[in-house]
Amino acid sequence: MNKPELLAPAGNLNKLKTAIIYGADAVYFGGERFSLRNASDNFTRDDIKRGVDFVKNHGKKIYAAVNVIMKNEDIDGVYSFIQDVADLGVDGVIVADLGAVTIAKEVAPQLNVHISTQANTTNYKSALAWHKLGAKRIVLARELSEIDIKQIRKNTPDSLELEAFVHGAMCISYSGRCLLSNYMAGRDANQGDCAHPCRWKYSLMEEQRPGQYFPVYENDRGSFFFNSKDLCLIEFIPQLINAGINTFKIEGRVKSEFYVATVVKAYREEIDRYCENSDTYQFDQKQLEELCKVSHREYTHGFWHDMPHSEGQVYKSSSYVRDYDIVGIIIDCDENGNAHISQRNKFSVGDEIEILRPKGDFIQINVTQMADEKDEQIQTAPHAGMVVKMNVGAFVPPLSMLRKRRAVLIDNETCACDK
């Protein structure tokens, strides 16, 4: 059995560090241009250097997303950026454009080239063609089933790595090739500036009645025709590995550190448990419960079994399920549990808190007392970024996260994973 690489999103330097500490084998990031997540913080050149150093010091890998569909004015910049990240020591570039593949091979032939899901690779002939052009890895389109992936693996050499998304947001269009954003908002999804119009409310207009808009209600908030559920394949670790997937990819460069930590940790633990003893492995349901504690839409298995049809959409709301808030991150902690905490959301004496650690089960505590930086006792921590001193009962490592269940759930939503 080849243990798959667990690849995590790094929207900024803090998220990169979080992903590595919580168990990712590799991370992917975007620079200030040429990646498809303009909404994330993205990396300056100095960030890239620091990120590469951090990742290498932990014995992990780092890939740069350069997956725009290039226009003529992008070419010189892509040349410079790929040369720069190669010099800084990244392990590979993720590209979607044929011209970008050529550029990477010209300026940095030692650099591994990964073909982005944006290229819509849905068959083994396309995968072989990319491989002949020098691609080391194919990031498969999300629209493939288990059977499709097995056929691609069977008809491609082992020297070509296959990567698949296992968790995160899904697109209404083929792996991001949507034109709605361009048409409705003038923002090019293939240049990293998608406005996500698939999450908007819509009305119906009949062809012979132009200008007459008919509201279509699933509830009093409207109808969301195109609003896909989020992908979650954590229950299929054995099947994904046996299908020949070399890398499990998590989507979410614009998501929070809490999201990155929780999702990476859940998949890390399930992959490790299966690879340690595949004969007796059974999925641990608590991992799905953990994934339901991060901000997400209802979960779906996507195309893994077959076309998702109507059950793959969320019709009643475009909002997320948010049952928990992150309230703090451990800065440091001594062996007696005396911790310095960087506040993220308000919490108070009397609150019941869960502490998510990079390794091991979460710890549940009640906040009995806390102090500010001046050692003055406080009843609540209301200010974003303030440092709180508190005893958490035992040593917990830096970057452990304090989370609190919301008293009132938004829209009375609950987590669900389609079967």
Foldseek 3Di string as FASTA:
>chain_A
DAQAFEEEEALFLVLLLLLVLLFGQEYEFEACFQAQAVVGPGDYLVRLLVSQVSQVVSVHAYEYENAFADDPVCLVVLLVVLLSSVVSPHQAYEYAYPVSLVSNCVRPVNHAYEYDLNNADQAQVVLVVVVVSPHQEYEHKLQYALVSLLRNVVNDDPSYAYEYEAWWADFLDTRQPDCCQCVPPVFDSSRNGRPPCLQPAAFDDDPVGPPDTHFDDPDPVGWRQRAFFIGHRLQCLVSCVVSRHRYYYYDDSRFDSLLSSLLSNLSSVLSVVCVVPVVPDHDDVVSVVSNQQGWGGAYENDCHPHHPPPVRHDIHHSGTWHFKDWFWFWAFADFQQWTKTFGAAKDFQQFWKWKAASDDDIDIDGRHWKAFPVRHTDGMDHDHGGIIIGGPGGGGGGRTIIMGTDPDIPVPDGHHYDD
